[in-house]
Amino acid sequence: MRPHFAALIALTLAAGCTTGAGTVVKGAGPDDLLKLREGPSLDHKIIIGLPDGTRLTRQGCVENNGKVWCRVFLTDKPSVSGFVSAEYLAHR
């Protein structure tokens, strides 16, 4: 197994980044929204803000500058997709 592939598998497992439905936004707070972005970093344009409890389907995760970002789409509206920080995602 190539070293970078093994590291990617370890990162994916450590981040709990399983693909599929059953993910919700958690920890954004009552007065804030999790930003759904066009790409995996704070430098990318915000598509929409997501309140706690928003149901998402996770498609995979990547690391960028020490932070894990997951590609997701809204479970109830699959045409809306982008990247969110993995630290604000929880399994239902």
PDB file of N, CA and C in Angstrom:
ATOM      1  N   MET A   1       0.855  -1.176   0.000  1.00  0.00           N
ATOM      2  CA  MET A   1       0.000   0.000   0.000  1.00  0.00           C
ATOM      3  C   MET A   1       0.896   1.232   0.000  1.00  0.00           C
ATOM      4  N   ARG A   2       0.584   2.190  -0.818  1.00  0.00           N
ATOM      5  CA  ARG A   2       1.369   3.421  -0.889  1.00  0.00           C
ATOM      6  C   ARG A   2       1.199   4.218   0.397  1.00  0.00           C
ATOM      7  N   PRO A   3       2.266   4.884   0.870  1.00  0.00           N
ATOM      8  CA  PRO A   3       2.186   5.637   2.130  1.00  0.00           C
ATOM      9  C   PRO A   3       1.110   6.715   2.134  1.00  0.00           C
ATOM     10  N   HIS A   4       0.962   7.474   1.030  1.00  0.00           N
ATOM     11  CA  HIS A   4      -0.039   8.544   1.034  1.00  0.00           C
ATOM     12  C   HIS A   4      -1.455   7.972   1.040  1.00  0.00           C
ATOM     13  N   PHE A   5      -1.653   6.802   0.436  1.00  0.00           N
ATOM     14  CA  PHE A   5      -2.964   6.170   0.445  1.00  0.00           C
ATOM     15  C   PHE A   5      -3.302   5.674   1.847  1.00  0.00           C
ATOM     16  N   ALA A   6      -2.319   5.095   2.527  1.00  0.00           N
ATOM     17  CA  ALA A   6      -2.525   4.626   3.903  1.00  0.00           C
ATOM     18  C   ALA A   6      -2.848   5.802   4.818  1.00  0.00           C
ATOM     19  N   ALA A   7      -2.153   6.931   4.615  1.00  0.00           N
ATOM     20  CA  ALA A   7      -2.420   8.123   5.432  1.00  0.00           C
ATOM     21  C   ALA A   7      -3.822   8.648   5.187  1.00  0.00           C
ATOM     22  N   LEU A   8      -4.276   8.608   3.935  1.00  0.00           N
ATOM     23  CA  LEU A   8      -5.628   9.063   3.608  1.00  0.00           C
ATOM     24  C   LEU A   8      -6.672   8.176   4.276  1.00  0.00           C
ATOM     25  N   ILE A   9      -6.459   6.869   4.259  1.00  0.00           N
ATOM     26  CA  ILE A   9      -7.384   5.947   4.923  1.00  0.00           C
ATOM     27  C   ILE A   9      -7.414   6.224   6.421  1.00  0.00           C
ATOM     28  N   ALA A  10      -6.247   6.414   7.022  1.00  0.00           N
ATOM     29  CA  ALA A  10      -6.180   6.700   8.458  1.00  0.00           C
ATOM     30  C   ALA A  10      -6.888   8.002   8.785  1.00  0.00           C
ATOM     31  N   LEU A  11      -6.684   9.034   7.961  1.00  0.00           N
ATOM     32  CA  LEU A  11      -7.341  10.320   8.189  1.00  0.00           C
ATOM     33  C   LEU A  11      -8.851  10.177   8.076  1.00  0.00           C
ATOM     34  N   THR A  12      -9.307   9.445   7.073  1.00  0.00           N
ATOM     35  CA  THR A  12     -10.742   9.243   6.875  1.00  0.00           C
ATOM     36  C   THR A  12     -11.350   8.530   8.072  1.00  0.00           C
ATOM     37  N   LEU A  13     -10.684   7.494   8.558  1.00  0.00           N
ATOM     38  CA  LEU A  13     -11.198   6.770   9.720  1.00  0.00           C
ATOM     39  C   LEU A  13     -11.159   7.630  10.974  1.00  0.00           C
ATOM     40  N   ALA A  14     -10.084   8.375  11.153  1.00  0.00           N
ATOM     41  CA  ALA A  14      -9.952   9.227  12.340  1.00  0.00           C
ATOM     42  C   ALA A  14     -10.993  10.323  12.351  1.00  0.00           C
ATOM     43  N   ALA A  15     -11.326  10.838  11.194  1.00  0.00           N
ATOM     44  CA  ALA A  15     -12.302  11.921  11.119  1.00  0.00           C
ATOM     45  C   ALA A  15     -13.729  11.403  11.177  1.00  0.00           C
ATOM     46  N   GLY A  16     -13.902  10.084  11.151  1.00  0.00           N
ATOM     47  CA  GLY A  16     -15.245   9.521  11.159  1.00  0.00           C
ATOM     48  C   GLY A  16     -16.001   9.878   9.906  1.00  0.00           C
ATOM     49  N   CYS A  17     -15.291   9.987   8.817  1.00  0.00           N
ATOM     50  CA  CYS A  17     -15.889  10.472   7.583  1.00  0.00           C
ATOM     51  C   CYS A  17     -16.417   9.315   6.746  1.00  0.00           C
ATOM     52  N   THR A  18     -17.516   8.775   7.162  1.00  0.00           N
ATOM     53  CA  THR A  18     -18.163   7.747   6.373  1.00  0.00           C
ATOM     54  C   THR A  18     -19.111   8.421   5.406  1.00  0.00           C
ATOM     55  N   THR A  19     -19.249   7.833   4.239  1.00  0.00           N
ATOM     56  CA  THR A  19     -20.141   8.424   3.250  1.00  0.00           C
ATOM     57  C   THR A  19     -21.560   7.934   3.478  1.00  0.00           C
ATOM     58  N   GLY A  20     -22.520   8.682   2.943  1.00  0.00           N
ATOM     59  CA  GLY A  20     -23.917   8.290   3.006  1.00  0.00           C
ATOM     60  C   GLY A  20     -24.757   9.232   3.840  1.00  0.00           C
ATOM     61  N   ALA A  21     -26.035   8.907   3.869  1.00  0.00           N
ATOM     62  CA  ALA A  21     -27.001   9.725   4.610  1.00  0.00           C
ATOM     63  C   ALA A  21     -26.831   9.483   6.108  1.00  0.00           C
ATOM     64  N   GLY A  22     -27.546  10.262   6.892  1.00  0.00           N
ATOM     65  CA  GLY A  22     -27.516  10.076   8.336  1.00  0.00           C
ATOM     66  C   GLY A  22     -26.574  11.025   9.043  1.00  0.00           C
ATOM     67  N   THR A  23     -26.267  12.149   8.423  1.00  0.00           N
ATOM     68  CA  THR A  23     -25.391  13.152   9.017  1.00  0.00           C
ATOM     69  C   THR A  23     -26.198  14.420   9.251  1.00  0.00           C
ATOM     70  N   VAL A  24     -25.932  15.082  10.367  1.00  0.00           N
ATOM     71  CA  VAL A  24     -26.610  16.345  10.663  1.00  0.00           C
ATOM     72  C   VAL A  24     -25.579  17.390  11.088  1.00  0.00           C
ATOM     73  N   VAL A  25     -25.937  18.655  10.907  1.00  0.00           N
ATOM     74  CA  VAL A  25     -25.124  19.765  11.393  1.00  0.00           C
ATOM     75  C   VAL A  25     -25.292  19.833  12.907  1.00  0.00           C
ATOM     76  N   LYS A  26     -24.162  19.910  13.625  1.00  0.00           N
ATOM     77  CA  LYS A  26     -24.232  19.976  15.087  1.00  0.00           C
ATOM     78  C   LYS A  26     -23.094  20.851  15.597  1.00  0.00           C
ATOM     79  N   GLY A  27     -23.424  21.810  16.422  1.00  0.00           N
ATOM     80  CA  GLY A  27     -22.408  22.631  17.061  1.00  0.00           C
ATOM     81  C   GLY A  27     -22.237  24.016  16.469  1.00  0.00           C
ATOM     82  N   ALA A  28     -23.026  24.362  15.458  1.00  0.00           N
ATOM     83  CA  ALA A  28     -22.931  25.717  14.895  1.00  0.00           C
ATOM     84  C   ALA A  28     -23.433  26.742  15.906  1.00  0.00           C
ATOM     85  N   GLY A  29     -24.365  26.335  16.745  1.00  0.00           N
ATOM     86  CA  GLY A  29     -24.888  27.222  17.776  1.00  0.00           C
ATOM     87  C   GLY A  29     -26.234  27.808  17.410  1.00  0.00           C
ATOM     88  N   PRO A  30     -26.977  28.288  18.393  1.00  0.00           N
ATOM     89  CA  PRO A  30     -28.332  28.797  18.159  1.00  0.00           C
ATOM     90  C   PRO A  30     -28.370  30.095  17.352  1.00  0.00           C
ATOM     91  N   ASP A  31     -27.280  30.863  17.384  1.00  0.00           N
ATOM     92  CA  ASP A  31     -27.263  32.154  16.682  1.00  0.00           C
ATOM     93  C   ASP A  31     -26.289  32.175  15.519  1.00  0.00           C
ATOM     94  N   ASP A  32     -25.883  30.999  15.045  1.00  0.00           N
ATOM     95  CA  ASP A  32     -24.924  30.946  13.952  1.00  0.00           C
ATOM     96  C   ASP A  32     -25.315  29.852  12.969  1.00  0.00           C
ATOM     97  N   LEU A  33     -24.680  29.861  11.808  1.00  0.00           N
ATOM     98  CA  LEU A  33     -24.941  28.876  10.767  1.00  0.00           C
ATOM     99  C   LEU A  33     -23.616  28.281  10.295  1.00  0.00           C
ATOM    100  N   LEU A  34     -23.632  27.003   9.953  1.00  0.00           N
ATOM    101  CA  LEU A  34     -22.480  26.365   9.341  1.00  0.00           C
ATOM    102  C   LEU A  34     -22.471  26.746   7.868  1.00  0.00           C
ATOM    103  N   LYS A  35     -21.339  27.235   7.388  1.00  0.00           N
ATOM    104  CA  LYS A  35     -21.258  27.689   6.001  1.00  0.00           C
ATOM    105  C   LYS A  35     -20.983  26.528   5.056  1.00  0.00           C
ATOM    106  N   LEU A  36     -21.861  26.350   4.072  1.00  0.00           N
ATOM    107  CA  LEU A  36     -21.650  25.400   2.983  1.00  0.00           C
ATOM    108  C   LEU A  36     -20.865  26.167   1.929  1.00  0.00           C
ATOM    109  N   ARG A  37     -19.679  25.687   1.585  1.00  0.00           N
ATOM    110  CA  ARG A  37     -18.779  26.418   0.688  1.00  0.00           C
ATOM    111  C   ARG A  37     -18.564  25.681  -0.622  1.00  0.00           C
ATOM    112  N   GLU A  38     -18.122  26.430  -1.642  1.00  0.00           N
ATOM    113  CA  GLU A  38     -17.878  25.861  -2.963  1.00  0.00           C
ATOM    114  C   GLU A  38     -16.683  24.916  -2.985  1.00  0.00           C
ATOM    115  N   GLY A  39     -15.743  25.078  -2.068  1.00  0.00           N
ATOM    116  CA  GLY A  39     -14.550  24.238  -2.013  1.00  0.00           C
ATOM    117  C   GLY A  39     -14.120  24.012  -0.583  1.00  0.00           C
ATOM    118  N   PRO A  40     -13.094  23.170  -0.386  1.00  0.00           N
ATOM    119  CA  PRO A  40     -12.685  22.764   0.960  1.00  0.00           C
ATOM    120  C   PRO A  40     -11.714  23.717   1.664  1.00  0.00           C
ATOM    121  N   SER A  41     -12.147  24.954   1.891  1.00  0.00           N
ATOM    122  CA  SER A  41     -11.365  25.899   2.697  1.00  0.00           C
ATOM    123  C   SER A  41     -12.192  27.156   2.958  1.00  0.00           C
ATOM    124  N   LEU A  42     -11.718  27.952   3.894  1.00  0.00           N
ATOM    125  CA  LEU A  42     -12.401  29.212   4.210  1.00  0.00           C
ATOM    126  C   LEU A  42     -12.278  30.224   3.080  1.00  0.00           C
ATOM    127  N   ASP A  43     -11.376  29.969   2.147  1.00  0.00           N
ATOM    128  CA  ASP A  43     -11.173  30.878   1.020  1.00  0.00           C
ATOM    129  C   ASP A  43     -12.256  30.757  -0.051  1.00  0.00           C
ATOM    130  N   HIS A  44     -13.041  29.709   0.005  1.00  0.00           N
ATOM    131  CA  HIS A  44     -14.062  29.487  -1.015  1.00  0.00           C
ATOM    132  C   HIS A  44     -15.366  30.212  -0.677  1.00  0.00           C
ATOM    133  N   LYS A  45     -16.081  30.554  -1.717  1.00  0.00           N
ATOM    134  CA  LYS A  45     -17.340  31.290  -1.600  1.00  0.00           C
ATOM    135  C   LYS A  45     -18.379  30.487  -0.808  1.00  0.00           C
ATOM    136  N   ILE A  46     -19.139  31.205   0.028  1.00  0.00           N
ATOM    137  CA  ILE A  46     -20.231  30.596   0.800  1.00  0.00           C
ATOM    138  C   ILE A  46     -21.440  30.430  -0.113  1.00  0.00           C
ATOM    139  N   ILE A  47     -22.008  29.230  -0.115  1.00  0.00           N
ATOM    140  CA  ILE A  47     -23.205  28.936  -0.904  1.00  0.00           C
ATOM    141  C   ILE A  47     -24.452  29.257  -0.096  1.00  0.00           C
ATOM    142  N   ILE A  48     -24.460  28.775   1.153  1.00  0.00           N
ATOM    143  CA  ILE A  48     -25.629  28.940   2.031  1.00  0.00           C
ATOM    144  C   ILE A  48     -25.200  28.653   3.469  1.00  0.00           C
ATOM    145  N   GLY A  49     -25.933  29.171   4.441  1.00  0.00           N
ATOM    146  CA  GLY A  49     -25.714  28.862   5.848  1.00  0.00           C
ATOM    147  C   GLY A  49     -26.680  27.772   6.294  1.00  0.00           C
ATOM    148  N   LEU A  50     -26.177  26.838   7.093  1.00  0.00           N
ATOM    149  CA  LEU A  50     -26.976  25.693   7.533  1.00  0.00           C
ATOM    150  C   LEU A  50     -27.137  25.701   9.050  1.00  0.00           C
ATOM    151  N   PRO A  51     -28.355  25.707   9.558  1.00  0.00           N
ATOM    152  CA  PRO A  51     -28.559  25.670  11.008  1.00  0.00           C
ATOM    153  C   PRO A  51     -28.337  24.265  11.573  1.00  0.00           C
ATOM    154  N   ASP A  52     -28.109  24.204  12.882  1.00  0.00           N
ATOM    155  CA  ASP A  52     -28.017  22.906  13.562  1.00  0.00           C
ATOM    156  C   ASP A  52     -29.236  22.060  13.206  1.00  0.00           C
ATOM    157  N   GLY A  53     -29.010  20.775  13.017  1.00  0.00           N
ATOM    158  CA  GLY A  53     -30.100  19.848  12.714  1.00  0.00           C
ATOM    159  C   GLY A  53     -30.338  19.634  11.231  1.00  0.00           C
ATOM    160  N   THR A  54     -29.692  20.433  10.363  1.00  0.00           N
ATOM    161  CA  THR A  54     -29.860  20.242   8.922  1.00  0.00           C
ATOM    162  C   THR A  54     -29.357  18.856   8.534  1.00  0.00           C
ATOM    163  N   ARG A  55     -30.184  18.110   7.813  1.00  0.00           N
ATOM    164  CA  ARG A  55     -29.821  16.751   7.393  1.00  0.00           C
ATOM    165  C   ARG A  55     -28.980  16.803   6.121  1.00  0.00           C
ATOM    166  N   LEU A  56     -27.833  16.119   6.165  1.00  0.00           N
ATOM    167  CA  LEU A  56     -26.895  16.105   5.056  1.00  0.00           C
ATOM    168  C   LEU A  56     -26.551  14.673   4.666  1.00  0.00           C
ATOM    169  N   THR A  57     -26.102  14.513   3.433  1.00  0.00           N
ATOM    170  CA  THR A  57     -25.541  13.247   2.974  1.00  0.00           C
ATOM    171  C   THR A  57     -24.081  13.514   2.638  1.00  0.00           C
ATOM    172  N   ARG A  58     -23.202  12.764   3.296  1.00  0.00           N
ATOM    173  CA  ARG A  58     -21.763  12.947   3.147  1.00  0.00           C
ATOM    174  C   ARG A  58     -21.260  12.130   1.964  1.00  0.00           C
ATOM    175  N   GLN A  59     -20.397  12.752   1.144  1.00  0.00           N
ATOM    176  CA  GLN A  59     -19.862  12.071  -0.034  1.00  0.00           C
ATOM    177  C   GLN A  59     -18.380  11.739   0.088  1.00  0.00           C
ATOM    178  N   GLY A  60     -17.709  12.262   1.058  1.00  0.00           N
ATOM    179  CA  GLY A  60     -16.280  12.024   1.239  1.00  0.00           C
ATOM    180  C   GLY A  60     -15.632  13.239   1.858  1.00  0.00           C
ATOM    181  N   CYS A  61     -14.415  13.049   2.388  1.00  0.00           N
ATOM    182  CA  CYS A  61     -13.730  14.136   3.080  1.00  0.00           C
ATOM    183  C   CYS A  61     -12.297  14.269   2.589  1.00  0.00           C
ATOM    184  N   VAL A  62     -11.761  15.461   2.749  1.00  0.00           N
ATOM    185  CA  VAL A  62     -10.376  15.757   2.403  1.00  0.00           C
ATOM    186  C   VAL A  62      -9.781  16.629   3.502  1.00  0.00           C
ATOM    187  N   GLU A  63      -8.460  16.612   3.596  1.00  0.00           N
ATOM    188  CA  GLU A  63      -7.777  17.497   4.532  1.00  0.00           C
ATOM    189  C   GLU A  63      -7.178  18.660   3.754  1.00  0.00           C
ATOM    190  N   ASN A  64      -7.311  19.854   4.309  1.00  0.00           N
ATOM    191  CA  ASN A  64      -6.732  21.040   3.699  1.00  0.00           C
ATOM    192  C   ASN A  64      -6.198  21.920   4.821  1.00  0.00           C
ATOM    193  N   ASN A  65      -4.892  22.124   4.848  1.00  0.00           N
ATOM    194  CA  ASN A  65      -4.240  22.945   5.880  1.00  0.00           C
ATOM    195  C   ASN A  65      -4.576  22.489   7.299  1.00  0.00           C
ATOM    196  N   GLY A  66      -4.578  21.184   7.527  1.00  0.00           N
ATOM    197  CA  GLY A  66      -4.807  20.634   8.853  1.00  0.00           C
ATOM    198  C   GLY A  66      -6.263  20.561   9.281  1.00  0.00           C
ATOM    199  N   LYS A  67      -7.184  20.908   8.407  1.00  0.00           N
ATOM    200  CA  LYS A  67      -8.609  20.868   8.732  1.00  0.00           C
ATOM    201  C   LYS A  67      -9.304  19.893   7.782  1.00  0.00           C
ATOM    202  N   VAL A  68     -10.234  19.114   8.308  1.00  0.00           N
ATOM    203  CA  VAL A  68     -10.956  18.141   7.492  1.00  0.00           C
ATOM    204  C   VAL A  68     -12.253  18.767   6.980  1.00  0.00           C
ATOM    205  N   TRP A  69     -12.448  18.681   5.670  1.00  0.00           N
ATOM    206  CA  TRP A  69     -13.634  19.207   4.993  1.00  0.00           C
ATOM    207  C   TRP A  69     -14.362  18.053   4.327  1.00  0.00           C
ATOM    208  N   CYS A  70     -15.685  18.029   4.444  1.00  0.00           N
ATOM    209  CA  CYS A  70     -16.472  16.972   3.821  1.00  0.00           C
ATOM    210  C   CYS A  70     -17.355  17.537   2.712  1.00  0.00           C
ATOM    211  N   ARG A  71     -17.381  16.808   1.604  1.00  0.00           N
ATOM    212  CA  ARG A  71     -18.303  17.154   0.512  1.00  0.00           C
ATOM    213  C   ARG A  71     -19.649  16.571   0.894  1.00  0.00           C
ATOM    214  N   VAL A  72     -20.671  17.409   0.888  1.00  0.00           N
ATOM    215  CA  VAL A  72     -22.018  16.985   1.301  1.00  0.00           C
ATOM    216  C   VAL A  72     -23.056  17.555   0.342  1.00  0.00           C
ATOM    217  N   PHE A  73     -24.246  16.997   0.428  1.00  0.00           N
ATOM    218  CA  PHE A  73     -25.405  17.635  -0.199  1.00  0.00           C
ATOM    219  C   PHE A  73     -26.556  17.570   0.774  1.00  0.00           C
ATOM    220  N   LEU A  74     -27.487  18.495   0.626  1.00  0.00           N
ATOM    221  CA  LEU A  74     -28.661  18.516   1.502  1.00  0.00           C
ATOM    222  C   LEU A  74     -29.495  17.281   1.200  1.00  0.00           C
ATOM    223  N   THR A  75     -29.803  16.504   2.210  1.00  0.00           N
ATOM    224  CA  THR A  75     -30.559  15.268   2.024  1.00  0.00           C
ATOM    225  C   THR A  75     -31.921  15.552   1.410  1.00  0.00           C
ATOM    226  N   ASP A  76     -32.556  16.643   1.828  1.00  0.00           N
ATOM    227  CA  ASP A  76     -33.881  16.988   1.320  1.00  0.00           C
ATOM    228  C   ASP A  76     -33.849  17.765   0.004  1.00  0.00           C
ATOM    229  N   LYS A  77     -32.657  18.189  -0.413  1.00  0.00           N
ATOM    230  CA  LYS A  77     -32.524  18.939  -1.668  1.00  0.00           C
ATOM    231  C   LYS A  77     -31.140  18.637  -2.270  1.00  0.00           C
ATOM    232  N   PRO A  78     -30.985  17.454  -2.890  1.00  0.00           N
ATOM    233  CA  PRO A  78     -29.683  16.994  -3.365  1.00  0.00           C
ATOM    234  C   PRO A  78     -28.986  17.910  -4.370  1.00  0.00           C
ATOM    235  N   SER A  79     -29.716  18.824  -4.989  1.00  0.00           N
ATOM    236  CA  SER A  79     -29.076  19.727  -5.944  1.00  0.00           C
ATOM    237  C   SER A  79     -28.193  20.770  -5.256  1.00  0.00           C
ATOM    238  N   VAL A  80     -28.326  20.921  -3.937  1.00  0.00           N
ATOM    239  CA  VAL A  80     -27.504  21.869  -3.179  1.00  0.00           C
ATOM    240  C   VAL A  80     -26.367  21.088  -2.532  1.00  0.00           C
ATOM    241  N   SER A  81     -25.132  21.340  -3.007  1.00  0.00           N
ATOM    242  CA  SER A  81     -23.979  20.607  -2.492  1.00  0.00           C
ATOM    243  C   SER A  81     -22.778  21.520  -2.356  1.00  0.00           C
ATOM    244  N   GLY A  82     -21.825  21.084  -1.560  1.00  0.00           N
ATOM    245  CA  GLY A  82     -20.601  21.835  -1.347  1.00  0.00           C
ATOM    246  C   GLY A  82     -19.791  21.183  -0.242  1.00  0.00           C
ATOM    247  N   PHE A  83     -18.942  21.973   0.403  1.00  0.00           N
ATOM    248  CA  PHE A  83     -18.055  21.476   1.456  1.00  0.00           C
ATOM    249  C   PHE A  83     -18.354  22.164   2.782  1.00  0.00           C
ATOM    250  N   VAL A  84     -18.258  21.381   3.869  1.00  0.00           N
ATOM    251  CA  VAL A  84     -18.409  21.913   5.220  1.00  0.00           C
ATOM    252  C   VAL A  84     -17.285  21.353   6.091  1.00  0.00           C
ATOM    253  N   SER A  85     -16.986  22.047   7.169  1.00  0.00           N
ATOM    254  CA  SER A  85     -15.990  21.567   8.117  1.00  0.00           C
ATOM    255  C   SER A  85     -16.532  20.331   8.840  1.00  0.00           C
ATOM    256  N   ALA A  86     -15.718  19.269   8.891  1.00  0.00           N
ATOM    257  CA  ALA A  86     -16.134  18.008   9.515  1.00  0.00           C
ATOM    258  C   ALA A  86     -16.407  18.157  11.011  1.00  0.00           C
ATOM    259  N   GLU A  87     -15.818  19.167  11.647  1.00  0.00           N
ATOM    260  CA  GLU A  87     -15.988  19.298  13.095  1.00  0.00           C
ATOM    261  C   GLU A  87     -17.413  19.668  13.492  1.00  0.00           C
ATOM    262  N   TYR A  88     -18.235  20.072  12.520  1.00  0.00           N
ATOM    263  CA  TYR A  88     -19.624  20.429  12.809  1.00  0.00           C
ATOM    264  C   TYR A  88     -20.620  19.388  12.293  1.00  0.00           C
ATOM    265  N   LEU A  89     -20.153  18.175  12.093  1.00  0.00           N
ATOM    266  CA  LEU A  89     -21.032  17.105  11.605  1.00  0.00           C
ATOM    267  C   LEU A  89     -21.152  16.011  12.644  1.00  0.00           C
ATOM    268  N   ALA A  90     -22.338  15.443  12.744  1.00  0.00           N
ATOM    269  CA  ALA A  90     -22.595  14.336  13.658  1.00  0.00           C
ATOM    270  C   ALA A  90     -23.468  13.310  12.971  1.00  0.00           C
ATOM    271  N   HIS A  91     -23.334  12.055  13.390  1.00  0.00           N
ATOM    272  CA  HIS A  91     -24.209  11.008  12.863  1.00  0.00           C
ATOM    273  C   HIS A  91     -25.524  11.045  13.612  1.00  0.00           C
ATOM    274  N   ARG A  92     -26.611  10.792  12.888  1.00  0.00           N
ATOM    275  CA  ARG A  92     -27.929  10.749  13.526  1.00  0.00           C
ATOM    276  C   ARG A  92     -28.139   9.420  14.173  1.00  0.00           C
TER     277      ARG A  92
END
